[in-house]
C-alpha atoms as a PDB file:
ATOM      1  CA  MET A   1       1.143 -12.585 -21.795  1.00  0.00           C
ATOM      2  CA  ASP A   2      -2.259 -11.022 -21.358  1.00  0.00           C
ATOM      3  CA  PHE A   3      -4.690 -13.618 -22.040  1.00  0.00           C
ATOM      4  CA  ARG A   4      -7.245 -11.081 -22.350  1.00  0.00           C
ATOM      5  CA  VAL A   5      -5.984 -10.229 -25.621  1.00  0.00           C
ATOM      6  CA  MET A   6      -6.815 -12.787 -27.133  1.00  0.00           C
ATOM      7  CA  GLY A   7     -10.346 -12.746 -26.083  1.00  0.00           C
ATOM      8  CA  ILE A   8     -10.407 -15.225 -23.526  1.00  0.00           C
ATOM      9  CA  ASP A   9     -13.034 -15.171 -20.673  1.00  0.00           C
ATOM     10  CA  ALA A  10     -11.799 -13.422 -17.603  1.00  0.00           C
ATOM     11  CA  PRO A  11     -13.697 -16.034 -14.839  1.00  0.00           C
ATOM     12  CA  LEU A  12     -11.453 -18.601 -16.771  1.00  0.00           C
ATOM     13  CA  LEU A  13      -8.083 -16.403 -16.420  1.00  0.00           C
ATOM     14  CA  HIS A  14      -9.139 -16.012 -12.624  1.00  0.00           C
ATOM     15  CA  THR A  15      -9.298 -19.970 -12.059  1.00  0.00           C
ATOM     16  CA  LEU A  16      -5.767 -20.172 -13.994  1.00  0.00           C
ATOM     17  CA  GLN A  17      -4.521 -17.824 -11.666  1.00  0.00           C
ATOM     18  CA  GLN A  18      -5.482 -19.380  -8.777  1.00  0.00           C
ATOM     19  CA  MET A  19      -4.705 -22.684  -9.790  1.00  0.00           C
ATOM     20  CA  MET A  20      -0.882 -21.215  -9.951  1.00  0.00           C
ATOM     21  CA  ASP A  21      -0.929 -20.310  -7.198  1.00  0.00           C
ATOM     22  CA  VAL A  22       0.718 -22.108  -5.125  1.00  0.00           C
ATOM     23  CA  SER A  23       0.153 -22.853  -1.573  1.00  0.00           C
ATOM     24  CA  GLU A  24       2.111 -21.882   1.242  1.00  0.00           C
ATOM     25  CA  ASP A  25       3.338 -25.303   2.627  1.00  0.00           C
ATOM     26  CA  ALA A  26       4.782 -25.885  -0.949  1.00  0.00           C
ATOM     27  CA  GLU A  27       6.472 -22.425  -0.759  1.00  0.00           C
ATOM     28  CA  LYS A  28       7.951 -22.624   1.502  1.00  0.00           C
ATOM     29  CA  SER A  29       9.722 -25.783   0.177  1.00  0.00           C
ATOM     30  CA  THR A  30      11.657 -24.350  -2.112  1.00  0.00           C
ATOM     31  CA  LEU A  31      15.444 -23.717  -1.546  1.00  0.00           C
ATOM     32  CA  ASN A  32      15.428 -19.677  -0.638  1.00  0.00           C
ATOM     33  CA  ALA A  33      13.729 -18.744  -3.539  1.00  0.00           C
ATOM     34  CA  PRO A  34      11.459 -15.932  -3.039  1.00  0.00           C
ATOM     35  CA  THR A  35       7.970 -16.775  -2.610  1.00  0.00           C
ATOM     36  CA  ARG A  36       5.404 -16.184  -5.101  1.00  0.00           C
ATOM     37  CA  THR A  37       3.638 -13.354  -2.118  1.00  0.00           C
ATOM     38  CA  TYR A  38       7.001 -11.931  -1.780  1.00  0.00           C
ATOM     39  CA  VAL A  39       7.433 -11.683  -5.960  1.00  0.00           C
ATOM     40  CA  ARG A  40       3.632 -10.339  -6.272  1.00  0.00           C
ATOM     41  CA  ASP A  41       4.139  -7.759  -3.174  1.00  0.00           C
ATOM     42  CA  ALA A  42       7.563  -6.685  -4.669  1.00  0.00           C
ATOM     43  CA  LYS A  43       6.169  -6.004  -7.659  1.00  0.00           C
ATOM     44  CA  ALA A  44       3.009  -3.738  -6.156  1.00  0.00           C
ATOM     45  CA  MET A  45       5.045  -1.664  -4.147  1.00  0.00           C
ATOM     46  CA  ALA A  46       7.147  -0.688  -7.485  1.00  0.00           C
ATOM     47  CA  SER A  47       4.524  -0.396  -9.421  1.00  0.00           C
ATOM     48  CA  THR A  48       2.894   2.652  -6.993  1.00  0.00           C
ATOM     49  CA  PRO A  49       4.566   5.594  -6.707  1.00  0.00           C
ATOM     50  CA  ALA A  50       4.499   7.921  -3.969  1.00  0.00           C
ATOM     51  CA  ASP A  51       5.116  11.364  -3.102  1.00  0.00           C
ATOM     52  CA  VAL A  52       6.123  11.748   0.514  1.00  0.00           C
ATOM     53  CA  LYS A  53       6.146  15.397   2.079  1.00  0.00           C
ATOM     54  CA  GLU A  54       7.328  16.950   5.769  1.00  0.00           C
ATOM     55  CA  LEU A  55       5.239  19.692   6.712  1.00  0.00           C
ATOM     56  CA  PRO A  56       5.686  21.865   9.772  1.00  0.00           C
ATOM     57  CA  ASN A  57       3.693  20.089  12.038  1.00  0.00           C
ATOM     58  CA  ALA A  58       2.812  16.956   9.531  1.00  0.00           C
ATOM     59  CA  TYR A  59       3.510  14.317   6.620  1.00  0.00           C
ATOM     60  CA  ALA A  60       1.990  14.428   4.058  1.00  0.00           C
ATOM     61  CA  PHE A  61       1.510  10.732   1.391  1.00  0.00           C
ATOM     62  CA  VAL A  62       0.429  11.196  -2.363  1.00  0.00           C
ATOM     63  CA  ILE A  63      -0.137   8.292  -3.880  1.00  0.00           C
ATOM     64  CA  ASP A  64      -2.003   9.104  -7.659  1.00  0.00           C
ATOM     65  CA  MET A  65      -5.071   6.032  -7.572  1.00  0.00           C
ATOM     66  CA  PRO A  66      -6.888   6.906 -10.501  1.00  0.00           C
ATOM     67  CA  GLY A  67     -10.515   6.045 -11.055  1.00  0.00           C
ATOM     68  CA  LEU A  68     -10.585   4.004  -7.812  1.00  0.00           C
ATOM     69  CA  LYS A  69     -12.970   4.263  -5.114  1.00  0.00           C
ATOM     70  CA  SER A  70     -13.025   4.512  -1.752  1.00  0.00           C
ATOM     71  CA  GLY A  71     -13.687   1.150  -0.915  1.00  0.00           C
ATOM     72  CA  ASP A  72     -10.942  -0.127  -3.216  1.00  0.00           C
ATOM     73  CA  ILE A  73      -8.163   1.731  -1.175  1.00  0.00           C
ATOM     74  CA  LYS A  74      -7.201   0.543   2.637  1.00  0.00           C
ATOM     75  CA  VAL A  75      -5.158   2.624   4.880  1.00  0.00           C
ATOM     76  CA  GLN A  76      -3.920   0.904   8.463  1.00  0.00           C
ATOM     77  CA  VAL A  77      -0.398   0.942  10.116  1.00  0.00           C
ATOM     78  CA  GLU A  78       1.276  -2.015  11.074  1.00  0.00           C
ATOM     79  CA  ASP A  79       3.595  -2.615  14.237  1.00  0.00           C
ATOM     80  CA  ASP A  80       2.403   0.751  15.950  1.00  0.00           C
ATOM     81  CA  ASN A  81       5.079   2.777  13.126  1.00  0.00           C
ATOM     82  CA  VAL A  82       4.233   1.863   9.610  1.00  0.00           C
ATOM     83  CA  LEU A  83       2.115   3.277   7.399  1.00  0.00           C
ATOM     84  CA  VAL A  84       0.322   0.528   4.659  1.00  0.00           C
ATOM     85  CA  ILE A  85      -1.374   1.874   1.789  1.00  0.00           C
ATOM     86  CA  THR A  86      -3.341  -1.746   0.075  1.00  0.00           C
ATOM     87  CA  GLY A  87      -6.299  -1.552  -2.835  1.00  0.00           C
ATOM     88  CA  GLU A  88      -6.810  -3.491  -5.782  1.00  0.00           C
ATOM     89  CA  ARG A  89      -7.474  -1.805  -8.884  1.00  0.00           C
ATOM     90  CA  LYS A  90     -10.411  -4.456 -11.484  1.00  0.00           C
ATOM     91  CA  ARG A  91     -10.740  -4.341 -14.929  1.00  0.00           C
ATOM     92  CA  GLU A  92     -14.317  -4.026 -16.159  1.00  0.00           C
ATOM     93  CA  GLU A  93     -16.339  -6.596 -16.723  1.00  0.00           C
ATOM     94  CA  GLU A  94     -17.482  -7.092 -20.312  1.00  0.00           C
ATOM     95  CA  LYS A  95     -20.197  -8.364 -22.373  1.00  0.00           C
ATOM     96  CA  GLU A  96     -18.374 -11.317 -23.926  1.00  0.00           C
ATOM     97  CA  GLY A  97     -18.277 -10.151 -27.948  1.00  0.00           C
ATOM     98  CA  SER A  98     -18.789  -6.542 -27.527  1.00  0.00           C
ATOM     99  CA  THR A  99     -15.399  -5.323 -26.757  1.00  0.00           C
ATOM    100  CA  LYS A 100     -12.373  -6.079 -28.201  1.00  0.00           C
ATOM    101  CA  TYR A 101      -9.326  -4.483 -27.018  1.00  0.00           C
ATOM    102  CA  LEU A 102      -6.816  -3.366 -29.555  1.00  0.00           C
ATOM    103  CA  ARG A 103      -4.096  -2.016 -27.200  1.00  0.00           C
ATOM    104  CA  MET A 104      -4.055  -2.462 -22.624  1.00  0.00           C
ATOM    105  CA  GLU A 105      -2.198  -0.176 -21.036  1.00  0.00           C
ATOM    106  CA  ARG A 106      -3.504   0.736 -18.155  1.00  0.00           C
ATOM    107  CA  ARG A 107      -2.218  -1.155 -15.046  1.00  0.00           C
ATOM    108  CA  VAL A 108      -5.245  -3.779 -12.945  1.00  0.00           C
ATOM    109  CA  GLY A 109      -3.996  -5.197 -10.309  1.00  0.00           C
ATOM    110  CA  LYS A 110      -3.332  -5.022  -6.462  1.00  0.00           C
ATOM    111  CA  PHE A 111      -1.003  -2.350  -4.916  1.00  0.00           C
ATOM    112  CA  MET A 112       0.975  -1.501  -1.723  1.00  0.00           C
ATOM    113  CA  ARG A 113       2.929   0.990  -0.011  1.00  0.00           C
ATOM    114  CA  LYS A 114       4.811   0.895   3.162  1.00  0.00           C
ATOM    115  CA  PHE A 115       6.111   3.339   5.144  1.00  0.00           C
ATOM    116  CA  VAL A 116       8.001   3.150   7.859  1.00  0.00           C
ATOM    117  CA  LEU A 117       7.044   6.534   9.975  1.00  0.00           C
ATOM    118  CA  PRO A 118       9.566   8.385  11.893  1.00  0.00           C
ATOM    119  CA  ASP A 119       9.018   8.428  15.811  1.00  0.00           C
ATOM    120  CA  ASN A 120       7.382  12.463  16.170  1.00  0.00           C
ATOM    121  CA  ALA A 121       4.295  10.847  14.072  1.00  0.00           C
ATOM    122  CA  ASN A 122       0.836  10.532  16.424  1.00  0.00           C
ATOM    123  CA  THR A 123      -0.233   7.726  14.678  1.00  0.00           C
ATOM    124  CA  ASP A 124      -4.033   8.511  16.433  1.00  0.00           C
ATOM    125  CA  THR A 125      -4.202  11.100  14.355  1.00  0.00           C
ATOM    126  CA  ILE A 126      -4.023   9.934  10.546  1.00  0.00           C
ATOM    127  CA  SER A 127      -6.063  10.987   7.885  1.00  0.00           C
ATOM    128  CA  ALA A 128      -7.073   9.586   4.377  1.00  0.00           C
ATOM    129  CA  VAL A 129      -8.761  11.243   1.552  1.00  0.00           C
ATOM    130  CA  CYS A 130      -8.959  10.838  -1.975  1.00  0.00           C
ATOM    131  CA  GLN A 131     -10.308  13.631  -4.083  1.00  0.00           C
ATOM    132  CA  ASP A 132      -9.707  13.515  -8.179  1.00  0.00           C
ATOM    133  CA  GLY A 133      -7.683  10.841  -7.838  1.00  0.00           C
ATOM    134  CA  VAL A 134      -4.767  11.364  -5.823  1.00  0.00           C
ATOM    135  CA  LEU A 135      -4.499  10.194  -2.680  1.00  0.00           C
ATOM    136  CA  THR A 136      -3.193  11.842   0.492  1.00  0.00           C
ATOM    137  CA  VAL A 137      -3.122  10.687   3.760  1.00  0.00           C
ATOM    138  CA  THR A 138      -1.489  12.651   6.232  1.00  0.00           C
ATOM    139  CA  VAL A 139      -0.630  11.798   9.465  1.00  0.00           C
ATOM    140  CA  GLU A 140       0.349  14.627  11.927  1.00  0.00           C
ATOM    141  CA  LYS A 141       3.430  15.098  14.440  1.00  0.00           C
ATOM    142  CA  LEU A 142       3.426  15.259  18.228  1.00  0.00           C
ATOM    143  CA  PRO A 143       4.641  18.197  19.796  1.00  0.00           C
ATOM    144  CA  PRO A 144       8.378  18.239  20.711  1.00  0.00           C
ATOM    145  CA  PRO A 145       8.580  16.698  24.245  1.00  0.00           C
ATOM    146  CA  GLN A 146       9.416  19.231  26.618  1.00  0.00           C
ATOM    147  CA  PRO A 147      13.411  20.106  27.597  1.00  0.00           C
ATOM    148  CA  LYS A 148      13.636  17.951  31.063  1.00  0.00           C
ATOM    149  CA  LYS A 149      14.541  20.483  33.517  1.00  0.00           C
ATOM    150  CA  PRO A 150      16.800  19.618  36.025  1.00  0.00           C
ATOM    151  CA  LYS A 151      16.232  18.022  38.755  1.00  0.00           C
ATOM    152  CA  THR A 152      18.467  19.284  42.391  1.00  0.00           C
ATOM    153  CA  ILE A 153      19.873  17.057  44.781  1.00  0.00           C
ATOM    154  CA  GLU A 154      20.101  17.943  48.077  1.00  0.00           C
ATOM    155  CA  VAL A 155      23.506  17.788  50.054  1.00  0.00           C
ATOM    156  CA  LYS A 156      22.975  16.324  53.460  1.00  0.00           C
ATOM    157  CA  ILE A 157      26.477  16.566  56.000  1.00  0.00           C
ATOM    158  CA  ALA A 158      27.174  13.858  57.291  1.00  0.00           C
END
């Protein structure tokens, strides 16, 4: 249930969310239950659709990000081959009593996507451009390896 529809103040909602978050130690003590962090990350990944294209010289990851500034989006490479795109969409602060929502459908909150990059991805030449609400992350391909020339070994007569 979204408490903002009922007119509850945003700072109060933020405080309630913090109170509901359980510490990592307490999460680990539960029996085989997924942690809150895992569930939150899974929801964030499921709600962030992406297109992945293979071009002749690069891979392109295209994600819709309407209304986000570049400071709200973070693009990283983890473990040398995992592309991670994260960020957060926040609801605009409203003056109390001036606005009453009749419907709230736009998604707010954290988002995240992880992509395992292929072996031929050059993680040193990654670029990210956000234009008209669409983020395009381009990962250049490494040139194909040169075929190894056969090595000739001289046969000696003993």
